[in-house]
Amino acid sequence: MYDILIIGSGPAGMTAAIYAKRANLNVVLFEKGAPGGQVVSTAEVENYPGFKKTSGYEVATNMFEHVLSLGIQVKFEEVIEVLDLVTHKVVKTTDSVYETKTVLITTGAVPRTLGVKNEENFTYNGISWCAICDGPLYKDKKIVVVGGGNSAVEESIYLSSLASHVTVVQNLPHLTADLKSQEILRNKENVEIIYDAKVIEFLGDFNLEGVKVLKQDKEILIPCDGVFEYIGLRPVTDMFKNLGILNDYGYVKVNSKMETSVKGIYAAGDVCEKQIRQIVTAVNDGAIAVQNILKYLEQ
């Protein structure tokens, strides 16, 4: 039986794995995709201490190399269910079943979609959620970015260095990103911001040709070659619904010790009900969770 099974290899999960291994715990880190979580798709990182300016991919890669250097066991399997048997926990994956004393949920969150007409037709074929992954495809082309928060504004800044023109569509009368990022974006000559507007349809036959936007009951057609959506996140928690630890929005409810209402089950990072979702807060959560898991195991 394992001491701890960590589900998800974003910054919170990898930090927790490092702390757990250094505490001599029998630990396994599960990941169904690429290690790093949302960090991998972040073009530039300028607010993580020790790195004046770097890419999310580099941060994620360095973290994962640290994990591997310690000999931490990583299983690339998708977790489909977690059972609480009181004396221990059972983690079911698509490949096997594992028994453990504790579970740490670090599955993070994924981008939300608009759910409007023709969106599915152009998903990953004109519509993207990763500027660093797909931005180079639109060099010297026209791009629309949907959203006005930190992710939308920061990625728009990056995309403006590639695209001939970037149109930012925000459904509020103002941007909600930090002021410094807003200032940088507004100073870009090839960037236009449309406020109080929402995308209602994607246009095109085989290739994306534009978006239809509704602003003050008036429809506006914006020709473009690609769209990047940054309208918030959806927690990856469907496999934990049976545990009764989620809030109304699907995020895991935890206390200051990263404990859920089920003894022996913890959560850390973006998957949690919290105020700020950043690399630094995820790393913080992972460290706190393992310290409290150690105390739990000593009981």
C-alpha atoms as a PDB file:
ATOM      1  CA  MET A   1       0.000   0.000   0.000  1.00  0.00           C
ATOM      2  CA  TYR A   2       1.203   3.469  -0.878  1.00  0.00           C
ATOM      3  CA  ASP A   3       1.552   6.343   1.604  1.00  0.00           C
ATOM      4  CA  ILE A   4       0.277   8.929  -0.854  1.00  0.00           C
ATOM      5  CA  LEU A   5      -1.060   8.958  -4.398  1.00  0.00           C
ATOM      6  CA  ILE A   6      -0.975  12.333  -6.114  1.00  0.00           C
ATOM      7  CA  ILE A   7      -3.425  12.867  -8.968  1.00  0.00           C
ATOM      8  CA  GLY A   8      -2.176  15.494 -11.410  1.00  0.00           C
ATOM      9  CA  SER A   9       1.306  16.736 -12.274  1.00  0.00           C
ATOM     10  CA  GLY A  10       0.931  20.501 -12.367  1.00  0.00           C
ATOM     11  CA  PRO A  11       3.039  22.741 -10.086  1.00  0.00           C
ATOM     12  CA  ALA A  12       1.028  21.698  -7.003  1.00  0.00           C
ATOM     13  CA  GLY A  13       1.314  17.987  -7.736  1.00  0.00           C
ATOM     14  CA  MET A  14       5.006  18.066  -8.616  1.00  0.00           C
ATOM     15  CA  THR A  15       5.860  20.157  -5.552  1.00  0.00           C
ATOM     16  CA  ALA A  16       3.938  17.733  -3.357  1.00  0.00           C
ATOM     17  CA  ALA A  17       5.701  14.754  -4.944  1.00  0.00           C
ATOM     18  CA  ILE A  18       9.106  16.318  -4.270  1.00  0.00           C
ATOM     19  CA  TYR A  19       8.233  17.038  -0.623  1.00  0.00           C
ATOM     20  CA  ALA A  20       6.740  13.577  -0.151  1.00  0.00           C
ATOM     21  CA  LYS A  21       9.759  11.809  -1.636  1.00  0.00           C
ATOM     22  CA  ARG A  22      12.167  13.829   0.488  1.00  0.00           C
ATOM     23  CA  ALA A  23      10.143  12.756   3.525  1.00  0.00           C
ATOM     24  CA  ASN A  24      10.695   9.114   2.497  1.00  0.00           C
ATOM     25  CA  LEU A  25       7.042   8.514   1.688  1.00  0.00           C
ATOM     26  CA  ASN A  26       6.024   5.824  -0.785  1.00  0.00           C
ATOM     27  CA  VAL A  27       4.550   8.107  -3.435  1.00  0.00           C
ATOM     28  CA  VAL A  28       3.211   7.863  -6.983  1.00  0.00           C
ATOM     29  CA  LEU A  29       2.352  10.784  -9.240  1.00  0.00           C
ATOM     30  CA  PHE A  30      -0.453  10.233 -11.778  1.00  0.00           C
ATOM     31  CA  GLU A  31      -0.818  12.209 -15.004  1.00  0.00           C
ATOM     32  CA  LYS A  32      -3.097  11.546 -17.976  1.00  0.00           C
ATOM     33  CA  GLY A  33      -1.480  14.081 -20.304  1.00  0.00           C
ATOM     34  CA  ALA A  34       1.641  16.235 -20.354  1.00  0.00           C
ATOM     35  CA  PRO A  35       3.309  17.150 -17.034  1.00  0.00           C
ATOM     36  CA  GLY A  36       2.947  20.802 -16.070  1.00  0.00           C
ATOM     37  CA  GLY A  37      -0.781  21.430 -16.330  1.00  0.00           C
ATOM     38  CA  GLN A  38      -1.831  24.890 -17.508  1.00  0.00           C
ATOM     39  CA  VAL A  39       1.722  26.181 -17.047  1.00  0.00           C
ATOM     40  CA  VAL A  40       2.821  24.367 -20.207  1.00  0.00           C
ATOM     41  CA  SER A  41       0.509  26.495 -22.342  1.00  0.00           C
ATOM     42  CA  THR A  42       1.551  29.821 -20.776  1.00  0.00           C
ATOM     43  CA  ALA A  43       3.675  31.835 -23.181  1.00  0.00           C
ATOM     44  CA  GLU A  44       5.550  34.014 -20.701  1.00  0.00           C
ATOM     45  CA  VAL A  45       6.008  33.876 -16.930  1.00  0.00           C
ATOM     46  CA  GLU A  46       7.244  37.072 -15.241  1.00  0.00           C
ATOM     47  CA  ASN A  47       5.863  36.748 -11.702  1.00  0.00           C
ATOM     48  CA  TYR A  48       7.473  33.550 -10.428  1.00  0.00           C
ATOM     49  CA  PRO A  49      10.275  34.447  -7.978  1.00  0.00           C
ATOM     50  CA  GLY A  50      13.747  33.684  -9.252  1.00  0.00           C
ATOM     51  CA  PHE A  51      12.772  33.944 -12.918  1.00  0.00           C
ATOM     52  CA  LYS A  52      12.727  37.490 -14.290  1.00  0.00           C
ATOM     53  CA  LYS A  53      11.189  36.269 -17.515  1.00  0.00           C
ATOM     54  CA  THR A  54      10.764  32.722 -18.752  1.00  0.00           C
ATOM     55  CA  SER A  55       8.275  30.481 -20.534  1.00  0.00           C
ATOM     56  CA  GLY A  56       5.700  28.297 -18.850  1.00  0.00           C
ATOM     57  CA  TYR A  57       7.094  25.332 -20.744  1.00  0.00           C
ATOM     58  CA  GLU A  58      10.541  25.905 -19.234  1.00  0.00           C
ATOM     59  CA  VAL A  59       9.119  26.180 -15.705  1.00  0.00           C
ATOM     60  CA  ALA A  60       7.132  22.966 -16.145  1.00  0.00           C
ATOM     61  CA  THR A  61      10.075  21.120 -17.693  1.00  0.00           C
ATOM     62  CA  ASN A  62      12.435  22.135 -14.892  1.00  0.00           C
ATOM     63  CA  MET A  63       9.917  21.006 -12.280  1.00  0.00           C
ATOM     64  CA  PHE A  64       9.389  17.641 -13.965  1.00  0.00           C
ATOM     65  CA  GLU A  65      13.136  17.074 -14.316  1.00  0.00           C
ATOM     66  CA  HIS A  66      13.406  17.711 -10.559  1.00  0.00           C
ATOM     67  CA  VAL A  67      10.712  15.088  -9.957  1.00  0.00           C
ATOM     68  CA  LEU A  68      12.490  12.526 -12.118  1.00  0.00           C
ATOM     69  CA  SER A  69      15.884  13.272 -10.541  1.00  0.00           C
ATOM     70  CA  LEU A  70      14.525  12.085  -7.199  1.00  0.00           C
ATOM     71  CA  GLY A  71      13.344   8.802  -8.642  1.00  0.00           C
ATOM     72  CA  ILE A  72       9.672   9.577  -8.066  1.00  0.00           C
ATOM     73  CA  GLN A  73       7.405   7.044  -9.725  1.00  0.00           C
ATOM     74  CA  VAL A  74       5.223   8.676 -12.407  1.00  0.00           C
ATOM     75  CA  LYS A  75       2.343   6.763 -13.964  1.00  0.00           C
ATOM     76  CA  PHE A  76       0.738   8.114 -17.126  1.00  0.00           C
ATOM     77  CA  GLU A  77      -2.728   6.787 -16.374  1.00  0.00           C
ATOM     78  CA  GLU A  78      -6.088   8.533 -16.165  1.00  0.00           C
ATOM     79  CA  VAL A  79      -7.772   8.363 -12.776  1.00  0.00           C
ATOM     80  CA  ILE A  80     -11.482   7.610 -13.138  1.00  0.00           C
ATOM     81  CA  GLU A  81     -12.587   7.211  -9.505  1.00  0.00           C
ATOM     82  CA  VAL A  82     -11.429   7.517  -5.899  1.00  0.00           C
ATOM     83  CA  LEU A  83     -13.092   5.488  -3.137  1.00  0.00           C
ATOM     84  CA  ASP A  84     -12.925   6.191   0.589  1.00  0.00           C
ATOM     85  CA  LEU A  85     -12.842   2.906   2.517  1.00  0.00           C
ATOM     86  CA  VAL A  86     -12.125   4.725   5.813  1.00  0.00           C
ATOM     87  CA  THR A  87      -9.078   2.624   6.712  1.00  0.00           C
ATOM     88  CA  HIS A  88      -7.558   3.380   3.320  1.00  0.00           C
ATOM     89  CA  LYS A  89      -8.373   4.800  -0.104  1.00  0.00           C
ATOM     90  CA  VAL A  90      -8.693   3.152  -3.503  1.00  0.00           C
ATOM     91  CA  VAL A  91      -7.679   4.928  -6.705  1.00  0.00           C
ATOM     92  CA  LYS A  92      -9.012   3.447  -9.932  1.00  0.00           C
ATOM     93  CA  THR A  93      -7.384   4.291 -13.240  1.00  0.00           C
ATOM     94  CA  THR A  94      -8.092   3.205 -16.799  1.00  0.00           C
ATOM     95  CA  ASP A  95      -5.338   0.624 -16.370  1.00  0.00           C
ATOM     96  CA  SER A  96      -5.320  -0.571 -12.765  1.00  0.00           C
ATOM     97  CA  VAL A  97      -6.438  -0.202  -9.131  1.00  0.00           C
ATOM     98  CA  TYR A  98      -4.223   1.176  -6.351  1.00  0.00           C
ATOM     99  CA  GLU A  99      -4.537   1.220  -2.555  1.00  0.00           C
ATOM    100  CA  THR A 100      -3.162   4.091  -0.519  1.00  0.00           C
ATOM    101  CA  LYS A 101      -3.293   5.669   2.928  1.00  0.00           C
ATOM    102  CA  THR A 102      -3.842   9.178   1.556  1.00  0.00           C
ATOM    103  CA  VAL A 103      -4.799  10.898  -1.679  1.00  0.00           C
ATOM    104  CA  LEU A 104      -3.813  14.352  -2.858  1.00  0.00           C
ATOM    105  CA  ILE A 105      -5.964  15.836  -5.632  1.00  0.00           C
ATOM    106  CA  THR A 106      -4.047  18.245  -7.875  1.00  0.00           C
ATOM    107  CA  THR A 107      -5.957  17.831 -11.141  1.00  0.00           C
ATOM    108  CA  GLY A 108      -6.171  21.568 -11.769  1.00  0.00           C
ATOM    109  CA  ALA A 109      -8.600  23.215 -14.154  1.00  0.00           C
ATOM    110  CA  VAL A 110      -9.007  23.450 -17.918  1.00  0.00           C
ATOM    111  CA  PRO A 111     -10.184  26.340 -20.114  1.00  0.00           C
ATOM    112  CA  ARG A 112     -13.913  26.967 -20.427  1.00  0.00           C
ATOM    113  CA  THR A 113     -15.516  27.167 -23.839  1.00  0.00           C
ATOM    114  CA  LEU A 114     -18.096  29.661 -25.115  1.00  0.00           C
ATOM    115  CA  GLY A 115     -20.676  27.107 -26.200  1.00  0.00           C
ATOM    116  CA  VAL A 116     -21.810  29.144 -29.194  1.00  0.00           C
ATOM    117  CA  LYS A 117     -22.744  28.240 -32.759  1.00  0.00           C
ATOM    118  CA  ASN A 118     -20.038  26.467 -34.820  1.00  0.00           C
ATOM    119  CA  GLU A 119     -17.525  26.447 -31.957  1.00  0.00           C
ATOM    120  CA  GLU A 120     -17.172  22.671 -32.086  1.00  0.00           C
ATOM    121  CA  ASN A 121     -16.575  22.795 -35.847  1.00  0.00           C
ATOM    122  CA  PHE A 122     -13.431  24.866 -35.398  1.00  0.00           C
ATOM    123  CA  THR A 123     -12.092  23.478 -32.115  1.00  0.00           C
ATOM    124  CA  TYR A 124      -8.324  23.105 -32.577  1.00  0.00           C
ATOM    125  CA  ASN A 125      -8.914  24.006 -36.213  1.00  0.00           C
ATOM    126  CA  GLY A 126      -9.046  27.770 -35.927  1.00  0.00           C
ATOM    127  CA  ILE A 127      -9.970  28.023 -32.244  1.00  0.00           C
ATOM    128  CA  SER A 128      -7.258  27.491 -29.644  1.00  0.00           C
ATOM    129  CA  TRP A 129      -6.670  27.831 -25.916  1.00  0.00           C
ATOM    130  CA  CYS A 130      -2.867  27.845 -26.067  1.00  0.00           C
ATOM    131  CA  ALA A 131      -1.058  30.852 -27.515  1.00  0.00           C
ATOM    132  CA  ILE A 132       2.435  29.417 -27.130  1.00  0.00           C
ATOM    133  CA  CYS A 133       1.336  26.192 -28.852  1.00  0.00           C
ATOM    134  CA  ASP A 134      -0.589  27.642 -31.782  1.00  0.00           C
ATOM    135  CA  GLY A 135       0.379  31.315 -31.952  1.00  0.00           C
ATOM    136  CA  PRO A 136       3.149  30.770 -34.539  1.00  0.00           C
ATOM    137  CA  LEU A 137       0.526  29.340 -36.919  1.00  0.00           C
ATOM    138  CA  TYR A 138      -0.959  32.828 -37.218  1.00  0.00           C
ATOM    139  CA  LYS A 139       2.157  34.834 -37.987  1.00  0.00           C
ATOM    140  CA  ASP A 140       1.183  37.943 -39.974  1.00  0.00           C
ATOM    141  CA  LYS A 141      -2.497  36.971 -39.776  1.00  0.00           C
ATOM    142  CA  LYS A 142      -5.545  38.369 -38.006  1.00  0.00           C
ATOM    143  CA  ILE A 143      -6.463  36.994 -34.577  1.00  0.00           C
ATOM    144  CA  VAL A 144      -9.353  37.447 -32.155  1.00  0.00           C
ATOM    145  CA  VAL A 145      -8.797  36.917 -28.425  1.00  0.00           C
ATOM    146  CA  VAL A 146     -11.895  36.409 -26.272  1.00  0.00           C
ATOM    147  CA  GLY A 147     -11.594  37.536 -22.647  1.00  0.00           C
ATOM    148  CA  GLY A 148     -10.202  40.371 -20.551  1.00  0.00           C
ATOM    149  CA  GLY A 149      -8.527  38.765 -17.546  1.00  0.00           C
ATOM    150  CA  ASN A 150      -4.834  38.158 -16.929  1.00  0.00           C
ATOM    151  CA  SER A 151      -4.602  35.162 -19.252  1.00  0.00           C
ATOM    152  CA  ALA A 152      -6.392  36.918 -22.113  1.00  0.00           C
ATOM    153  CA  VAL A 153      -4.355  40.110 -21.835  1.00  0.00           C
ATOM    154  CA  GLU A 154      -0.971  38.432 -21.314  1.00  0.00           C
ATOM    155  CA  GLU A 155      -1.500  36.072 -24.243  1.00  0.00           C
ATOM    156  CA  SER A 156      -2.768  38.941 -26.407  1.00  0.00           C
ATOM    157  CA  ILE A 157       0.502  40.763 -25.749  1.00  0.00           C
ATOM    158  CA  TYR A 158       2.430  37.703 -26.884  1.00  0.00           C
ATOM    159  CA  LEU A 159       0.202  37.167 -29.930  1.00  0.00           C
ATOM    160  CA  SER A 160       0.588  40.807 -30.971  1.00  0.00           C
ATOM    161  CA  SER A 161       4.264  40.072 -31.667  1.00  0.00           C
ATOM    162  CA  LEU A 162       3.224  37.436 -34.212  1.00  0.00           C
ATOM    163  CA  ALA A 163      -0.079  38.489 -35.739  1.00  0.00           C
ATOM    164  CA  SER A 164      -0.687  41.396 -38.073  1.00  0.00           C
ATOM    165  CA  HIS A 165      -3.693  42.418 -35.979  1.00  0.00           C
ATOM    166  CA  VAL A 166      -5.241  41.303 -32.686  1.00  0.00           C
ATOM    167  CA  THR A 167      -8.825  42.090 -31.719  1.00  0.00           C
ATOM    168  CA  VAL A 168      -9.655  41.558 -28.050  1.00  0.00           C
ATOM    169  CA  VAL A 169     -13.353  40.952 -27.341  1.00  0.00           C
ATOM    170  CA  GLN A 170     -14.342  41.583 -23.722  1.00  0.00           C
ATOM    171  CA  ASN A 171     -17.900  41.161 -22.401  1.00  0.00           C
ATOM    172  CA  LEU A 172     -17.386  43.787 -19.669  1.00  0.00           C
ATOM    173  CA  PRO A 173     -16.906  47.574 -20.008  1.00  0.00           C
ATOM    174  CA  HIS A 174     -13.295  47.176 -18.844  1.00  0.00           C
ATOM    175  CA  LEU A 175     -10.433  44.697 -18.676  1.00  0.00           C
ATOM    176  CA  THR A 176      -9.884  42.816 -15.419  1.00  0.00           C
ATOM    177  CA  ALA A 177      -6.187  41.962 -15.849  1.00  0.00           C
ATOM    178  CA  ASP A 178      -3.512  43.618 -13.715  1.00  0.00           C
ATOM    179  CA  LEU A 179      -2.889  47.261 -14.598  1.00  0.00           C
ATOM    180  CA  LYS A 180       0.659  46.787 -15.871  1.00  0.00           C
ATOM    181  CA  SER A 181      -0.458  44.186 -18.400  1.00  0.00           C
ATOM    182  CA  GLN A 182      -3.361  46.379 -19.493  1.00  0.00           C
ATOM    183  CA  GLU A 183      -0.990  49.277 -20.128  1.00  0.00           C
ATOM    184  CA  ILE A 184       1.368  47.129 -22.192  1.00  0.00           C
ATOM    185  CA  LEU A 185      -1.539  45.807 -24.259  1.00  0.00           C
ATOM    186  CA  ARG A 186      -3.043  49.231 -24.947  1.00  0.00           C
ATOM    187  CA  ASN A 187       0.334  50.479 -26.186  1.00  0.00           C
ATOM    188  CA  LYS A 188       0.435  47.820 -28.898  1.00  0.00           C
ATOM    189  CA  GLU A 189      -0.302  49.497 -32.231  1.00  0.00           C
ATOM    190  CA  ASN A 190      -1.794  46.357 -33.806  1.00  0.00           C
ATOM    191  CA  VAL A 191      -4.246  45.653 -30.974  1.00  0.00           C
ATOM    192  CA  GLU A 192      -7.905  46.719 -30.855  1.00  0.00           C
ATOM    193  CA  ILE A 193     -10.162  46.165 -27.827  1.00  0.00           C
ATOM    194  CA  ILE A 194     -13.940  45.860 -28.152  1.00  0.00           C
ATOM    195  CA  TYR A 195     -15.784  46.214 -24.835  1.00  0.00           C
ATOM    196  CA  ASP A 196     -19.298  45.165 -23.785  1.00  0.00           C
ATOM    197  CA  ALA A 197     -19.411  42.560 -26.508  1.00  0.00           C
ATOM    198  CA  LYS A 198     -19.767  38.818 -26.717  1.00  0.00           C
ATOM    199  CA  VAL A 199     -19.082  36.281 -29.436  1.00  0.00           C
ATOM    200  CA  ILE A 200     -22.290  34.632 -30.637  1.00  0.00           C
ATOM    201  CA  GLU A 201     -21.096  32.652 -33.664  1.00  0.00           C
ATOM    202  CA  PHE A 202     -18.005  31.432 -35.501  1.00  0.00           C
ATOM    203  CA  LEU A 203     -18.046  31.898 -39.255  1.00  0.00           C
ATOM    204  CA  GLY A 204     -16.631  29.849 -42.095  1.00  0.00           C
ATOM    205  CA  ASP A 205     -17.137  26.670 -44.069  1.00  0.00           C
ATOM    206  CA  PHE A 206     -14.028  24.485 -43.921  1.00  0.00           C
ATOM    207  CA  ASN A 207     -11.732  27.132 -42.428  1.00  0.00           C
ATOM    208  CA  LEU A 208     -12.485  29.751 -39.799  1.00  0.00           C
ATOM    209  CA  GLU A 209     -13.129  33.057 -41.487  1.00  0.00           C
ATOM    210  CA  GLY A 210     -14.361  35.247 -38.670  1.00  0.00           C
ATOM    211  CA  VAL A 211     -16.558  35.727 -35.628  1.00  0.00           C
ATOM    212  CA  LYS A 212     -19.940  37.348 -35.138  1.00  0.00           C
ATOM    213  CA  VAL A 213     -20.061  39.606 -32.089  1.00  0.00           C
ATOM    214  CA  LEU A 214     -23.067  41.176 -30.381  1.00  0.00           C
ATOM    215  CA  LYS A 215     -22.488  44.667 -28.953  1.00  0.00           C
ATOM    216  CA  GLN A 216     -25.394  46.732 -27.641  1.00  0.00           C
ATOM    217  CA  ASP A 217     -27.896  44.741 -29.733  1.00  0.00           C
ATOM    218  CA  LYS A 218     -25.797  45.327 -32.833  1.00  0.00           C
ATOM    219  CA  GLU A 219     -24.090  42.472 -34.658  1.00  0.00           C
ATOM    220  CA  ILE A 220     -20.475  43.024 -35.704  1.00  0.00           C
ATOM    221  CA  LEU A 221     -18.563  40.737 -38.065  1.00  0.00           C
ATOM    222  CA  ILE A 222     -14.838  40.473 -37.352  1.00  0.00           C
ATOM    223  CA  PRO A 223     -12.794  38.764 -40.091  1.00  0.00           C
ATOM    224  CA  CYS A 224      -9.991  36.643 -38.644  1.00  0.00           C
ATOM    225  CA  ASP A 225      -7.831  33.584 -39.254  1.00  0.00           C
ATOM    226  CA  GLY A 226      -7.782  32.320 -35.681  1.00  0.00           C
ATOM    227  CA  VAL A 227      -9.423  32.725 -32.274  1.00  0.00           C
ATOM    228  CA  PHE A 228      -7.963  32.237 -28.802  1.00  0.00           C
ATOM    229  CA  GLU A 229     -10.409  31.828 -25.925  1.00  0.00           C
ATOM    230  CA  TYR A 230      -9.522  32.850 -22.368  1.00  0.00           C
ATOM    231  CA  ILE A 231     -12.824  33.013 -20.481  1.00  0.00           C
ATOM    232  CA  GLY A 232     -12.000  31.239 -17.271  1.00  0.00           C
ATOM    233  CA  LEU A 233     -11.436  27.710 -16.076  1.00  0.00           C
ATOM    234  CA  ARG A 234     -13.391  24.555 -15.309  1.00  0.00           C
ATOM    235  CA  PRO A 235     -12.069  22.299 -12.525  1.00  0.00           C
ATOM    236  CA  VAL A 236     -11.203  18.717 -13.465  1.00  0.00           C
ATOM    237  CA  THR A 237     -13.176  16.991 -10.738  1.00  0.00           C
ATOM    238  CA  ASP A 238     -15.820  14.753 -12.318  1.00  0.00           C
ATOM    239  CA  MET A 239     -14.095  11.668 -10.913  1.00  0.00           C
ATOM    240  CA  PHE A 240     -14.479  12.974  -7.347  1.00  0.00           C
ATOM    241  CA  LYS A 241     -18.212  13.735  -7.316  1.00  0.00           C
ATOM    242  CA  ASN A 242     -18.964  10.645  -5.214  1.00  0.00           C
ATOM    243  CA  LEU A 243     -16.804  11.939  -2.344  1.00  0.00           C
ATOM    244  CA  GLY A 244     -18.998  14.940  -1.497  1.00  0.00           C
ATOM    245  CA  ILE A 245     -16.044  17.338  -1.384  1.00  0.00           C
ATOM    246  CA  LEU A 246     -16.973  19.727  -4.221  1.00  0.00           C
ATOM    247  CA  ASN A 247     -18.646  23.131  -4.146  1.00  0.00           C
ATOM    248  CA  ASP A 248     -21.436  24.206  -6.504  1.00  0.00           C
ATOM    249  CA  TYR A 249     -18.907  25.116  -9.193  1.00  0.00           C
ATOM    250  CA  GLY A 250     -17.043  21.814  -9.047  1.00  0.00           C
ATOM    251  CA  TYR A 251     -14.003  23.046  -7.133  1.00  0.00           C
ATOM    252  CA  VAL A 252     -12.702  21.043  -4.162  1.00  0.00           C
ATOM    253  CA  LYS A 253     -13.456  22.563  -0.756  1.00  0.00           C
ATOM    254  CA  VAL A 254     -10.406  22.555   1.544  1.00  0.00           C
ATOM    255  CA  ASN A 255      -9.332  24.226   4.777  1.00  0.00           C
ATOM    256  CA  SER A 256      -6.023  25.999   5.475  1.00  0.00           C
ATOM    257  CA  LYS A 257      -4.324  22.600   5.855  1.00  0.00           C
ATOM    258  CA  MET A 258      -5.509  21.568   2.376  1.00  0.00           C
ATOM    259  CA  GLU A 259      -7.768  18.958   3.998  1.00  0.00           C
ATOM    260  CA  THR A 260     -11.117  18.042   2.475  1.00  0.00           C
ATOM    261  CA  SER A 261     -14.089  16.889   4.546  1.00  0.00           C
ATOM    262  CA  VAL A 262     -12.955  13.284   3.986  1.00  0.00           C
ATOM    263  CA  LYS A 263     -10.111  12.276   6.287  1.00  0.00           C
ATOM    264  CA  GLY A 264      -7.022  11.286   4.367  1.00  0.00           C
ATOM    265  CA  ILE A 265      -8.041  13.095   1.185  1.00  0.00           C
ATOM    266  CA  TYR A 266      -6.399  16.431   0.417  1.00  0.00           C
ATOM    267  CA  ALA A 267      -6.361  18.853  -2.501  1.00  0.00           C
ATOM    268  CA  ALA A 268      -3.959  21.526  -3.721  1.00  0.00           C
ATOM    269  CA  GLY A 269      -3.571  24.024  -6.545  1.00  0.00           C
ATOM    270  CA  ASP A 270      -6.064  25.356  -9.079  1.00  0.00           C
ATOM    271  CA  VAL A 271      -8.547  22.557  -8.399  1.00  0.00           C
ATOM    272  CA  CYS A 272      -9.296  24.099  -4.998  1.00  0.00           C
ATOM    273  CA  GLU A 273     -11.874  26.692  -4.038  1.00  0.00           C
ATOM    274  CA  LYS A 274      -9.567  29.706  -3.677  1.00  0.00           C
ATOM    275  CA  GLN A 275      -9.005  33.363  -4.498  1.00  0.00           C
ATOM    276  CA  ILE A 276      -5.844  33.285  -6.627  1.00  0.00           C
ATOM    277  CA  ARG A 277      -4.723  30.643  -9.112  1.00  0.00           C
ATOM    278  CA  GLN A 278      -1.062  31.176  -9.918  1.00  0.00           C
ATOM    279  CA  ILE A 279       2.065  29.005 -10.108  1.00  0.00           C
ATOM    280  CA  VAL A 280       3.325  30.376  -6.812  1.00  0.00           C
ATOM    281  CA  THR A 281       0.074  29.638  -4.965  1.00  0.00           C
ATOM    282  CA  ALA A 282      -0.096  26.124  -6.410  1.00  0.00           C
ATOM    283  CA  VAL A 283       3.452  25.383  -5.256  1.00  0.00           C
ATOM    284  CA  ASN A 284       2.535  26.751  -1.829  1.00  0.00           C
ATOM    285  CA  ASP A 285      -0.536  24.509  -1.618  1.00  0.00           C
ATOM    286  CA  GLY A 286       1.437  21.412  -2.552  1.00  0.00           C
ATOM    287  CA  ALA A 287       4.002  21.984   0.166  1.00  0.00           C
ATOM    288  CA  ILE A 288       1.354  22.672   2.835  1.00  0.00           C
ATOM    289  CA  ALA A 289      -0.630  19.579   1.851  1.00  0.00           C
ATOM    290  CA  VAL A 290       2.306  17.215   2.256  1.00  0.00           C
ATOM    291  CA  GLN A 291       3.305  18.654   5.619  1.00  0.00           C
ATOM    292  CA  ASN A 292      -0.197  17.936   6.900  1.00  0.00           C
ATOM    293  CA  ILE A 293      -0.293  14.524   5.250  1.00  0.00           C
ATOM    294  CA  LEU A 294       2.871  13.668   7.209  1.00  0.00           C
ATOM    295  CA  LYS A 295       1.107  14.568  10.443  1.00  0.00           C
ATOM    296  CA  TYR A 296      -1.919  12.497   9.431  1.00  0.00           C
ATOM    297  CA  LEU A 297       0.233   9.451   8.701  1.00  0.00           C
ATOM    298  CA  GLU A 298       1.928   9.749  12.099  1.00  0.00           C
ATOM    299  CA  GLN A 299      -1.383   9.371  13.920  1.00  0.00           C
END
